[in-house]
């Protein structure tokens, strides 16, 4: 008997050794195996020769609770006579069906290969969970055919096992039910949304119609790189409706709370630290109330967009001015937005010019947190073509909340507000006092909504004439109009205004843009408005 040549024997040994490398020793009874040679996860059926290679995602750790696409290749081997081949890329023969019990949209298959994709798998997971299983059922169409070409008539049941991590890593994605009246907390409380109980996701193209799918989707992106204008302290969160409709919007405003990282000096917390909103590719500060203990900032959520936390250093090219800190403070709080609003940008070059009534009311409405309303043309002297829908919406909000009333014009049945007229200081303070009272009333109503109302006891004390008190504060108190005296006293007691260096209030002087912004910024600071 001839012996095999040594060269051929050596080559055959090398081939068998290479094949052995492709077949880990622990495969035989394992339901899940990771092959380090090719970087794929494999999942096995203990009762048949079917096994699955996970193609997408390649890793079995995921950070999305709805999987857009899960792709896998179905493989088979004859358990009695062979071992699984981890270098094998697919089965080129045989017919079977694939099904799963998890909630999904559809299953698609490549034309010539047993490569399947399950679309939009809803895991329904809201917290970190390991060992999440996606059961795959392989149904042989002809179980009576026991040939190798028909996989010996075998069916298969295989669990693809994944680990879900509910963390705000870059590229994480989270679907959440829109739950008005509740705190919608996500990513370990790093992001929280809350809306009034009557809120819903609307379709603005259909006139505030309720969208059928009342779900949110949150995409996490990496913390933006720092610049001369901003230093970001959180990841960026893109919050949208689940269908990503350009017409979808919250029916009413809510709040967004974002946690920040790092140590922020106390002096910067109420000034530079803000929620930023990405508007058409530009980051715009929108302010917020800082909770330094929990390291969060809460701001108004008015639209689906991308939000983050950052320190704002932008100066908008503003030259040195006594009101610079207040003007920038309003910009950092989003009351003025020079980045995207040309009128706001123009104001920065007109700080010492008188402010008009329309601009002041719009600015004050924003500061107090009024939600814009559809303008109904209530004032006959407001030309809608001269203003944006946003501006008109804030004006209407001021009307409906009792901030501005207007007066009857010379033509019966018409109301005017004189939008282009300048304001005196006492007129401006009267509006400011109304804003304080409206804000206080809303806060009281919110706190006492579940409490029993108490009736104040009447007293026999005579009301104090505000003019008397004002005379002790301002040298020119006698020049303050009687109708404005109470408002001036209230705003003075709130420490929003104080005597000039000469000890005067100057009630008849025209209010400048700088003075208006200083007043409104002081209001927001004292009342801790968002």
Protein backbone atom coordinates (compact mmCIF):
# COMPACT_ATOMS: atom_id res chain seq x y z
CA UNK A 1 0.00 0.00 0.00
CA UNK A 2 1.36 3.34 -1.04
CA UNK A 3 1.66 6.04 1.59
CA UNK A 4 0.41 9.59 1.00
CA UNK A 5 3.17 12.00 -0.02
CA UNK A 6 4.39 14.12 2.88
CA UNK A 7 3.67 17.40 1.04
CA UNK A 8 0.01 16.49 0.41
CA UNK A 9 -0.35 15.19 3.96
CA UNK A 10 1.04 18.48 5.33
CA UNK A 11 -1.35 20.58 3.20
CA UNK A 12 -4.33 18.47 4.26
CA UNK A 13 -3.36 18.87 7.90
CA UNK A 14 -3.17 22.65 7.49
CA UNK A 15 -6.64 22.67 5.81
CA UNK A 16 -8.20 20.60 8.60
CA UNK A 17 -6.58 22.87 11.21
CA UNK A 18 -7.96 26.00 9.46
CA UNK A 19 -11.42 24.47 9.34
CA UNK A 20 -11.19 23.66 13.04
CA UNK A 21 -10.47 27.34 13.76
CA UNK A 22 -13.84 28.21 12.22
CA UNK A 23 -15.66 25.83 14.55
CA UNK A 24 -15.39 26.79 18.24
CA UNK A 25 -15.39 23.84 20.62
CA UNK A 26 -18.27 25.28 22.64
CA UNK A 27 -20.76 25.43 19.76
CA UNK A 28 -22.48 22.09 20.33
CA UNK A 29 -25.01 23.03 23.02
CA UNK A 30 -24.67 26.81 22.97
CA UNK A 31 -27.71 28.91 22.09
CA UNK A 32 -25.54 32.01 21.54
CA UNK A 33 -21.96 32.23 20.38
CA UNK A 34 -19.74 35.12 19.38
CA UNK A 35 -17.15 34.27 16.73
CA UNK A 36 -14.06 36.40 17.20
CA UNK A 37 -12.66 35.43 13.79
CA UNK A 38 -15.39 37.16 11.77
CA UNK A 39 -16.99 39.37 14.44
CA UNK A 40 -20.52 37.92 14.14
CA UNK A 41 -22.97 36.73 16.77
CA UNK A 42 -24.61 33.34 16.10
CA UNK A 43 -27.77 31.93 17.65
CA UNK A 44 -28.69 28.23 17.54
CA UNK A 45 -31.72 25.97 17.69
CA UNK A 46 -31.02 23.09 20.09
CA UNK A 47 -33.39 20.71 18.30
CA UNK A 48 -32.50 21.31 14.64
CA UNK A 49 -29.58 22.26 12.44
CA UNK A 50 -30.78 25.81 11.88
CA UNK A 51 -28.73 28.68 13.21
CA UNK A 52 -28.75 32.43 12.64
CA UNK A 53 -26.00 34.96 11.99
CA UNK A 54 -26.84 38.45 13.22
CA UNK A 55 -25.87 40.88 10.43
CA UNK A 56 -27.38 44.18 11.62
CA UNK A 57 -26.79 45.30 14.26
CA UNK A 58 -23.45 43.51 14.36
CA UNK A 59 -23.32 43.89 18.15
CA UNK A 60 -26.00 42.43 20.37
CA UNK A 61 -25.92 45.50 22.64
CA UNK A 62 -28.40 48.15 21.51
CA UNK A 63 -29.41 51.64 22.71
CA UNK A 64 -32.74 51.97 20.92
CA UNK A 65 -36.03 50.53 22.13
CA UNK A 66 -37.48 50.36 18.62
CA UNK A 67 -35.18 48.64 16.14
CA UNK A 68 -35.60 50.11 12.68
CA UNK A 69 -34.06 47.14 10.92
CA UNK A 70 -32.80 43.83 12.29
CA UNK A 71 -31.10 41.77 9.57
CA UNK A 72 -29.98 38.16 9.91
CA UNK A 73 -28.88 35.25 7.73
CA UNK A 74 -30.47 31.81 8.26
CA UNK A 75 -27.96 28.95 8.04
CA UNK A 76 -28.25 25.17 8.39
CA UNK A 77 -26.05 22.15 8.91
CA UNK A 78 -26.63 18.43 9.28
CA UNK A 79 -26.28 17.97 13.03
CA UNK A 80 -25.75 14.21 12.76
CA UNK A 81 -22.89 14.31 10.28
CA UNK A 82 -21.27 17.75 10.37
CA UNK A 83 -20.63 20.91 12.34
CA UNK A 84 -21.73 24.51 11.73
CA UNK A 85 -19.49 26.41 9.32
CA UNK A 86 -18.80 29.94 10.53
CA UNK A 87 -17.17 30.87 7.23
CA UNK A 88 -20.40 30.05 5.38
CA UNK A 89 -22.27 33.09 4.00
CA UNK A 90 -25.67 31.63 3.25
CA UNK A 91 -27.89 28.85 1.94
CA UNK A 92 -28.40 28.85 -1.80
CA UNK A 93 -31.25 26.35 -1.78
CA UNK A 94 -34.43 25.34 0.06
CA UNK A 95 -37.67 27.13 0.82
CA UNK A 96 -39.07 28.02 4.24
CA UNK A 97 -40.99 30.83 5.93
CA UNK A 98 -39.88 33.16 8.71
CA UNK A 99 -42.10 34.59 11.44
CA UNK A 100 -41.79 36.26 14.84
CA UNK A 101 -44.15 37.08 17.70
CA UNK A 102 -42.60 40.46 18.55
CA UNK A 103 -44.46 43.56 17.41
CA UNK A 104 -43.09 44.65 14.06
CA UNK A 105 -44.07 46.27 10.77
CA UNK A 106 -42.98 43.68 8.21
CA UNK A 107 -40.35 41.06 7.28
CA UNK A 108 -38.50 41.28 3.97
CA UNK A 109 -36.12 38.80 2.27
CA UNK A 110 -33.26 39.14 -0.16
CA UNK A 111 -34.17 37.73 -3.55
CA UNK A 112 -31.61 34.94 -3.85
CA UNK A 113 -30.43 34.44 -0.28
CA UNK A 114 -31.97 33.50 3.04
CA UNK A 115 -31.21 36.94 4.44
CA UNK A 116 -34.15 38.49 6.26
CA UNK A 117 -34.88 41.93 7.69
CA UNK A 118 -37.50 42.60 10.36
CA UNK A 119 -38.60 46.22 10.20
CA UNK A 120 -39.62 48.47 13.12
CA UNK A 121 -39.42 46.04 16.02
CA UNK A 122 -41.10 47.56 19.08
CA UNK A 123 -39.32 46.15 22.11
CA UNK A 124 -41.57 48.18 24.46
CA UNK A 125 -38.56 48.56 26.76
CA UNK A 126 -38.27 51.74 28.81
CA UNK A 127 -35.39 50.80 31.10
CA UNK A 128 -32.07 49.01 30.69
CA UNK A 129 -32.73 45.30 30.19
CA UNK A 130 -30.42 42.38 29.37
CA UNK A 131 -31.46 39.18 27.68
CA UNK A 132 -34.24 40.65 25.53
CA UNK A 133 -35.28 37.87 23.15
CA UNK A 134 -36.64 38.11 19.62
CA UNK A 135 -38.09 34.67 18.84
CA UNK A 136 -37.60 33.58 15.24
CA UNK A 137 -39.69 30.72 13.89
CA UNK A 138 -38.44 28.88 10.78
CA UNK A 139 -41.31 27.01 9.14
CA UNK A 140 -40.44 24.29 6.64
CA UNK A 141 -42.91 24.29 3.77
CA UNK A 142 -42.54 20.54 3.11
CA UNK A 143 -41.76 18.72 6.37
CA UNK A 144 -42.29 15.33 4.65
CA UNK A 145 -39.28 15.92 2.41
CA UNK A 146 -36.35 14.78 4.55
CA UNK A 147 -33.65 15.37 1.96
CA UNK A 148 -30.61 17.46 2.74
CA UNK A 149 -31.79 20.00 0.15
CA UNK A 150 -34.91 20.48 2.32
CA UNK A 151 -32.99 20.57 5.61
CA UNK A 152 -34.24 17.06 6.45
CA UNK A 153 -37.74 18.54 6.79
CA UNK A 154 -36.70 20.35 9.96
CA UNK A 155 -38.34 23.44 11.45
CA UNK A 156 -36.46 25.80 13.71
CA UNK A 157 -37.06 28.01 16.73
CA UNK A 158 -34.28 30.41 17.61
CA UNK A 159 -34.10 33.32 20.02
CA UNK A 160 -31.98 36.30 18.98
CA UNK A 161 -30.91 37.71 22.33
CA UNK A 162 -30.09 41.41 22.72
CA UNK A 163 -29.16 43.68 25.60
CA UNK A 164 -30.90 47.09 25.72
CA UNK A 165 -29.16 49.98 27.46
CA UNK A 166 -31.33 53.03 28.19
CA UNK A 167 -28.51 55.56 28.17
CA UNK A 168 -27.92 58.80 26.29
CA UNK A 169 -24.90 57.60 24.35
CA UNK A 170 -24.33 59.18 20.96
CA UNK A 171 -26.68 57.61 18.35
CA UNK A 172 -29.04 56.29 21.02
CA UNK A 173 -32.71 56.44 20.10
CA UNK A 174 -35.77 56.22 22.31
CA UNK A 175 -39.47 56.04 21.52
CA UNK A 176 -41.83 57.21 24.26
CA UNK A 177 -45.58 57.56 24.57
CA UNK A 178 -46.75 61.18 24.74
CA UNK A 179 -48.22 61.33 28.24
CA UNK A 180 -49.63 64.77 29.10
CA UNK A 181 -49.90 65.56 32.79
CA UNK A 182 -46.97 63.26 33.64
CA UNK A 183 -43.20 63.64 33.91
CA UNK A 184 -41.78 61.82 30.89
CA UNK A 185 -38.31 60.90 32.16
CA UNK A 186 -35.67 59.44 29.88
CA UNK A 187 -32.05 58.30 29.97
CA UNK A 188 -31.80 58.08 33.73
CA UNK A 189 -33.53 61.45 34.26
CA UNK A 190 -31.06 63.24 32.01
CA UNK A 191 -33.99 64.41 29.89
CA UNK A 192 -37.54 65.09 31.02
CA UNK A 193 -40.59 66.48 29.23
CA UNK A 194 -43.88 67.57 30.75
CA UNK A 195 -47.03 68.96 29.18
CA UNK A 196 -50.42 70.10 30.51
CA UNK A 197 -53.07 67.40 30.89
CA UNK A 198 -55.00 68.60 27.85
CA UNK A 199 -51.99 68.59 25.49
CA UNK A 200 -51.56 66.32 22.47
CA UNK A 201 -49.43 66.01 19.34
CA UNK A 202 -51.24 67.92 16.63
CA UNK A 203 -51.06 68.09 12.85
CA UNK A 204 -50.85 71.78 11.98
CA UNK A 205 -51.58 71.06 8.31
CA UNK A 206 -55.07 69.96 9.34
CA UNK A 207 -55.80 72.78 11.76
CA UNK A 208 -54.63 71.25 15.06
CA UNK A 209 -56.01 67.79 14.24
CA UNK A 210 -54.83 65.08 16.63
CA UNK A 211 -52.21 62.76 15.13
CA UNK A 212 -53.14 59.10 15.35
CA UNK A 213 -49.65 58.11 16.56
CA UNK A 214 -49.16 59.92 19.86
CA UNK A 215 -45.55 58.93 20.36
CA UNK A 216 -42.28 60.81 20.59
CA UNK A 217 -38.89 59.84 19.25
CA UNK A 218 -35.70 61.16 20.83
CA UNK A 219 -32.41 60.90 18.93
CA UNK A 220 -29.22 61.47 20.89
CA UNK A 221 -26.22 63.06 19.26
CA UNK A 222 -22.78 63.73 20.65
CA UNK A 223 -22.14 66.89 22.64
CA UNK A 224 -21.34 69.67 20.12
CA UNK A 225 -17.78 70.95 20.02
CA UNK A 226 -17.11 74.14 22.01
CA UNK A 227 -16.72 77.47 20.23
CA UNK A 228 -16.07 81.09 21.12
CA UNK A 229 -19.83 81.54 21.59
CA UNK A 230 -20.91 78.32 23.35
CA UNK A 231 -19.51 75.61 25.61
CA UNK A 232 -21.91 72.67 25.67
CA UNK A 233 -22.49 70.72 28.86
CA UNK A 234 -24.83 67.97 27.62
CA UNK A 235 -25.53 65.71 24.70
CA UNK A 236 -27.89 67.11 22.06
CA UNK A 237 -31.39 65.67 22.00
CA UNK A 238 -33.54 65.81 18.87
CA UNK A 239 -37.15 65.52 20.01
CA UNK A 240 -39.78 64.81 17.36
CA UNK A 241 -43.05 63.00 16.81
CA UNK A 242 -42.54 59.34 15.91
CA UNK A 243 -43.48 59.87 12.25
CA UNK A 244 -41.14 62.88 11.98
CA UNK A 245 -43.86 64.91 10.27
CA UNK A 246 -42.92 68.49 9.41
CA UNK A 247 -46.47 69.49 10.37
CA UNK A 248 -46.46 67.87 13.82
CA UNK A 249 -46.24 70.11 16.89
CA UNK A 250 -47.40 70.07 20.51
CA UNK A 251 -50.92 71.49 20.81
CA UNK A 252 -49.74 73.57 23.74
CA UNK A 253 -46.38 74.42 25.24
CA UNK A 254 -44.68 72.28 27.82
CA UNK A 255 -41.34 72.15 29.65
CA UNK A 256 -38.07 70.47 28.79
CA UNK A 257 -35.58 69.67 31.57
CA UNK A 258 -32.03 68.67 30.67
CA UNK A 259 -29.23 67.62 33.02
CA UNK A 260 -25.81 69.19 32.57
CA UNK A 261 -22.31 67.99 33.35
CA UNK A 262 -19.41 69.77 35.00
CA UNK A 263 -19.13 72.45 37.64
CA UNK A 264 -20.73 75.81 36.85
CA UNK A 265 -19.84 78.85 39.02
CA UNK A 266 -22.81 80.25 40.92
CA UNK A 267 -22.57 83.60 39.16
CA UNK A 268 -22.95 81.93 35.77
CA UNK A 269 -25.90 79.71 36.66
CA UNK A 270 -28.58 82.36 36.29
CA UNK A 271 -26.94 84.18 33.41
CA UNK A 272 -24.71 82.24 30.99
CA UNK A 273 -26.15 78.77 31.62
CA UNK A 274 -29.09 78.12 29.31
CA UNK A 275 -31.00 75.62 27.24
CA UNK A 276 -30.08 76.04 23.57
CA UNK A 277 -32.33 75.19 20.64
CA UNK A 278 -31.02 74.45 17.17
CA UNK A 279 -32.99 76.58 14.72
CA UNK A 280 -32.20 75.99 11.05
CA UNK A 281 -28.63 75.00 11.85
CA UNK A 282 -28.02 77.80 14.36
CA UNK A 283 -27.88 77.35 18.11
CA UNK A 284 -30.15 79.88 19.82
CA UNK A 285 -30.34 80.34 23.62
CA UNK A 286 -33.85 80.01 25.06
CA UNK A 287 -33.01 80.47 28.74
CA UNK A 288 -34.37 78.33 31.53
CA UNK A 289 -34.53 77.99 35.30
CA UNK A 290 -31.43 76.42 36.84
CA UNK A 291 -31.64 73.78 39.58
CA UNK A 292 -28.04 73.73 40.80
CA UNK A 293 -28.69 70.94 43.32
CA UNK A 294 -29.89 68.50 40.65
CA UNK A 295 -27.75 70.11 37.92
CA UNK A 296 -30.64 70.66 35.51
CA UNK A 297 -32.07 73.53 33.48
CA UNK A 298 -35.78 73.73 32.68
CA UNK A 299 -36.99 75.79 29.72
CA UNK A 300 -40.15 76.22 27.69
CA UNK A 301 -40.70 73.51 25.06
CA UNK A 302 -42.55 75.16 22.20
CA UNK A 303 -41.71 72.97 19.22
CA UNK A 304 -40.09 69.75 18.09
CA UNK A 305 -36.40 70.51 17.59
CA UNK A 306 -32.88 69.76 18.87
CA UNK A 307 -32.04 70.91 22.41
CA UNK A 308 -28.90 70.97 24.56
CA UNK A 309 -27.39 72.72 27.60
CA UNK A 310 -24.58 75.19 27.24
CA UNK A 311 -22.75 78.18 28.61
CA UNK A 312 -23.35 81.20 26.38
CA UNK A 313 -20.57 83.74 25.79
CA UNK A 314 -21.84 85.34 22.59
CA UNK A 315 -21.78 89.16 22.57
CA UNK A 316 -23.49 89.74 19.18
CA UNK A 317 -20.94 92.47 18.44
CA UNK A 318 -22.50 94.65 21.13
CA UNK A 319 -20.32 97.62 22.07
CA UNK A 320 -19.76 98.73 25.63
CA UNK A 321 -23.00 100.05 27.14
CA UNK A 322 -24.42 100.44 30.65
CA UNK A 323 -27.23 97.99 29.78
CA UNK A 324 -25.02 95.43 28.00
CA UNK A 325 -25.38 92.80 30.72
CA UNK A 326 -29.19 93.09 30.70
CA UNK A 327 -29.40 93.08 26.90
CA UNK A 328 -27.22 89.97 26.64
CA UNK A 329 -29.19 88.44 29.50
CA UNK A 330 -32.40 88.75 27.46
CA UNK A 331 -30.64 87.22 24.46
CA UNK A 332 -29.38 84.32 26.59
CA UNK A 333 -32.95 83.77 27.84
CA UNK A 334 -34.38 83.82 24.32
CA UNK A 335 -36.55 86.93 24.75
CA UNK A 336 -34.64 88.51 21.90
CA UNK A 337 -32.99 86.28 19.28
CA UNK A 338 -30.52 88.29 17.20
CA UNK A 339 -29.21 85.07 15.56
CA UNK A 340 -32.45 84.50 13.64
CA UNK A 341 -34.49 87.69 14.04
CA UNK A 342 -33.39 90.74 12.04
CA UNK A 343 -35.57 93.11 14.11
CA UNK A 344 -33.94 91.92 17.33
CA UNK A 345 -30.52 92.34 15.77
CA UNK A 346 -31.41 95.91 14.73
CA UNK A 347 -32.42 96.73 18.31
CA UNK A 348 -28.83 96.22 19.44
CA UNK A 349 -27.75 99.24 17.41
CA UNK A 350 -30.62 101.39 18.73
CA UNK A 351 -30.27 100.90 22.46
CA UNK A 352 -30.53 104.60 23.28
CA UNK A 353 -33.50 105.24 21.01
CA UNK A 354 -37.11 105.17 22.35
CA UNK A 355 -38.89 101.83 22.26
CA UNK A 356 -42.33 101.58 20.65
CA UNK A 357 -45.40 100.10 22.31
CA UNK A 358 -45.62 97.07 20.01
CA UNK A 359 -42.01 95.97 20.56
CA UNK A 360 -42.30 96.40 24.33
CA UNK A 361 -45.53 94.36 24.58
CA UNK A 362 -44.11 91.53 22.46
CA UNK A 363 -40.91 91.46 24.53
CA UNK A 364 -42.85 91.46 27.79
CA UNK A 365 -45.20 88.69 26.61
CA UNK A 366 -42.19 86.52 25.77
CA UNK A 367 -40.54 87.19 29.12
CA UNK A 368 -43.63 86.25 31.13
CA UNK A 369 -43.94 83.03 29.12
CA UNK A 370 -47.18 83.63 27.23
CA UNK A 371 -47.87 81.18 24.44
CA UNK A 372 -48.55 82.93 21.09
CA UNK A 373 -52.17 82.88 19.93
CA UNK A 374 -53.75 83.36 16.54
CA UNK A 375 -54.12 87.07 15.96
CA UNK A 376 -57.74 88.08 15.34
CA UNK A 377 -57.16 91.62 14.07
CA UNK A 378 -58.42 93.13 17.32
CA UNK A 379 -56.57 96.43 16.79
CA UNK A 380 -57.52 98.43 13.73
CA UNK A 381 -54.20 100.30 13.65
CA UNK A 382 -51.97 97.19 13.61
CA UNK A 383 -51.01 96.46 10.02
CA UNK A 384 -50.45 92.72 9.95
CA UNK A 385 -48.18 93.03 6.92
CA UNK A 386 -45.61 94.87 9.05
CA UNK A 387 -45.19 92.08 11.58
CA UNK A 388 -44.44 88.37 11.66
CA UNK A 389 -47.00 85.78 12.75
CA UNK A 390 -44.83 85.18 15.78
CA UNK A 391 -44.96 88.85 16.83
CA UNK A 392 -48.70 89.08 16.26
CA UNK A 393 -49.15 85.88 18.26
CA UNK A 394 -47.38 87.37 21.28
CA UNK A 395 -49.42 90.56 20.96
CA UNK A 396 -52.63 88.51 20.98
CA UNK A 397 -51.37 86.56 24.00
CA UNK A 398 -50.81 89.87 25.78
CA UNK A 399 -54.39 90.91 25.01
CA UNK A 400 -55.93 87.63 26.17
CA UNK A 401 -53.88 87.62 29.38
CA UNK A 402 -54.81 91.18 30.35
CA UNK A 403 -51.44 92.75 29.60
CA UNK A 404 -52.72 95.22 27.00
CA UNK A 405 -56.23 96.51 26.36
CA UNK A 406 -55.96 99.28 23.79
CA UNK A 407 -58.52 102.07 23.60
CA UNK A 408 -61.53 102.95 21.49
CA UNK A 409 -60.66 104.90 18.37
CA UNK A 410 -62.40 107.94 16.99
CA UNK A 411 -64.37 105.58 14.78
CA UNK A 412 -67.00 103.79 16.88
CA UNK A 413 -66.49 100.03 17.14
CA UNK A 414 -62.75 100.13 16.47
CA UNK A 415 -59.94 99.59 19.02
CA UNK A 416 -56.42 100.92 18.64
CA UNK A 417 -53.16 100.30 20.51
CA UNK A 418 -50.89 102.85 18.79
CA UNK A 419 -48.15 100.30 18.04
CA UNK A 420 -45.58 102.82 16.80
CA UNK A 421 -46.00 105.29 19.64
CA UNK A 422 -43.21 105.62 22.18
CA UNK A 423 -43.69 104.81 25.85
CA UNK A 424 -43.09 106.97 28.88
CA UNK A 425 -41.39 105.38 31.86
CA UNK A 426 -44.58 105.38 33.91
CA UNK A 427 -46.52 103.72 31.06
CA UNK A 428 -43.86 101.04 30.75
CA UNK A 429 -43.94 100.39 34.49
CA UNK A 430 -47.74 100.09 34.38
CA UNK A 431 -47.39 97.29 31.80
CA UNK A 432 -44.65 95.72 33.94
CA UNK A 433 -46.92 95.71 37.01
CA UNK A 434 -49.66 94.00 35.00
CA UNK A 435 -47.16 91.36 33.89
CA UNK A 436 -46.15 90.75 37.52
CA UNK A 437 -49.79 90.40 38.61
CA UNK A 438 -50.66 88.07 35.73
CA UNK A 439 -47.62 85.89 36.47
CA UNK A 440 -48.39 85.82 40.21
CA UNK A 441 -52.03 84.94 39.56
CA UNK A 442 -51.10 82.04 37.28
CA UNK A 443 -48.63 80.71 39.85
CA UNK A 444 -51.18 80.99 42.66
CA UNK A 445 -53.83 79.23 40.58
CA UNK A 446 -51.39 76.43 39.81
CA UNK A 447 -50.44 75.94 43.48
CA UNK A 448 -53.95 76.26 44.85
CA UNK A 449 -55.78 74.23 42.21
CA UNK A 450 -56.12 71.33 44.66
CA UNK A 451 -56.39 73.40 47.84
CA UNK A 452 -59.47 74.82 49.46
CA UNK A 453 -59.98 78.49 48.84
CA UNK A 454 -59.84 80.78 51.86
CA UNK A 455 -61.82 83.99 52.24
CA UNK A 456 -59.84 87.00 53.41
CA UNK A 457 -61.31 88.83 56.36
CA UNK A 458 -62.28 92.43 55.82
CA UNK A 459 -60.42 95.07 57.80
CA UNK A 460 -61.29 98.63 58.66
CA UNK A 461 -57.85 99.92 57.66
CA UNK A 462 -57.85 102.81 55.22
CA UNK A 463 -55.90 102.15 52.00
CA UNK A 464 -52.59 103.99 51.87
CA UNK A 465 -52.20 106.56 49.08
CA UNK A 466 -49.28 105.26 46.95
CA UNK A 467 -48.26 108.84 46.23
CA UNK A 468 -47.46 109.31 49.91
CA UNK A 469 -45.08 106.36 49.91
CA UNK A 470 -43.57 107.36 46.57
CA UNK A 471 -42.71 110.79 47.96
CA UNK A 472 -40.44 109.06 50.44
CA UNK A 473 -38.61 107.32 47.61
CA UNK A 474 -38.52 109.66 44.62
CA UNK A 475 -37.87 113.39 44.62
CA UNK A 476 -40.14 113.85 41.59
CA UNK A 477 -43.01 111.68 42.92
CA UNK A 478 -45.48 114.54 42.38
CA UNK A 479 -44.87 114.24 38.61
CA UNK A 480 -46.09 110.61 38.59
CA UNK A 481 -49.64 110.36 37.24
CA UNK A 482 -52.27 109.23 39.74
CA UNK A 483 -53.28 106.30 37.51
CA UNK A 484 -49.64 105.05 37.45
CA UNK A 485 -48.75 105.62 41.10
CA UNK A 486 -49.78 102.19 42.39
CA UNK A 487 -47.89 100.44 39.59
CA UNK A 488 -44.73 102.49 40.16
CA UNK A 489 -44.87 101.72 43.89
CA UNK A 490 -45.39 98.01 43.27
CA UNK A 491 -42.53 97.74 40.78
CA UNK A 492 -40.28 99.76 43.11
CA UNK A 493 -41.10 97.47 46.05
CA UNK A 494 -40.31 94.49 43.81
CA UNK A 495 -36.85 96.07 43.35
CA UNK A 496 -37.28 96.25 39.58
CA UNK A 497 -36.73 100.01 39.48
CA UNK A 498 -34.91 102.38 41.80
CA UNK A 499 -34.22 106.14 42.01
CA UNK A 500 -31.72 107.62 39.59
CA UNK A 501 -28.48 109.10 40.85
CA UNK A 502 -30.42 112.36 41.29
CA UNK A 503 -33.13 110.53 43.25
CA UNK A 504 -35.78 110.79 40.52
CA UNK A 505 -38.08 108.41 38.67
CA UNK A 506 -38.51 110.61 35.57
CA UNK A 507 -42.04 109.37 34.82
CA UNK A 508 -42.57 111.43 31.66
CA UNK A 509 -39.27 110.55 29.99
CA UNK A 510 -39.43 108.33 26.94
CA UNK A 511 -38.33 104.76 27.67
CA UNK A 512 -35.33 103.68 25.60
CA UNK A 513 -34.73 100.20 24.20
CA UNK A 514 -31.92 99.75 26.72
CA UNK A 515 -34.12 100.77 29.65
CA UNK A 516 -36.91 98.48 28.45
CA UNK A 517 -34.57 95.50 28.24
CA UNK A 518 -33.11 96.30 31.63
CA UNK A 519 -36.60 96.41 33.19
CA UNK A 520 -37.64 93.12 31.59
CA UNK A 521 -34.38 91.36 32.45
CA UNK A 522 -34.74 92.47 36.08
CA UNK A 523 -38.29 91.08 36.06
CA UNK A 524 -37.08 87.71 34.83
CA UNK A 525 -34.26 87.60 37.35
CA UNK A 526 -36.39 88.56 40.37
CA UNK A 527 -39.32 86.31 39.42
CA UNK A 528 -37.09 83.48 38.14
CA UNK A 529 -38.98 83.32 34.86
CA UNK A 530 -37.88 80.78 32.27
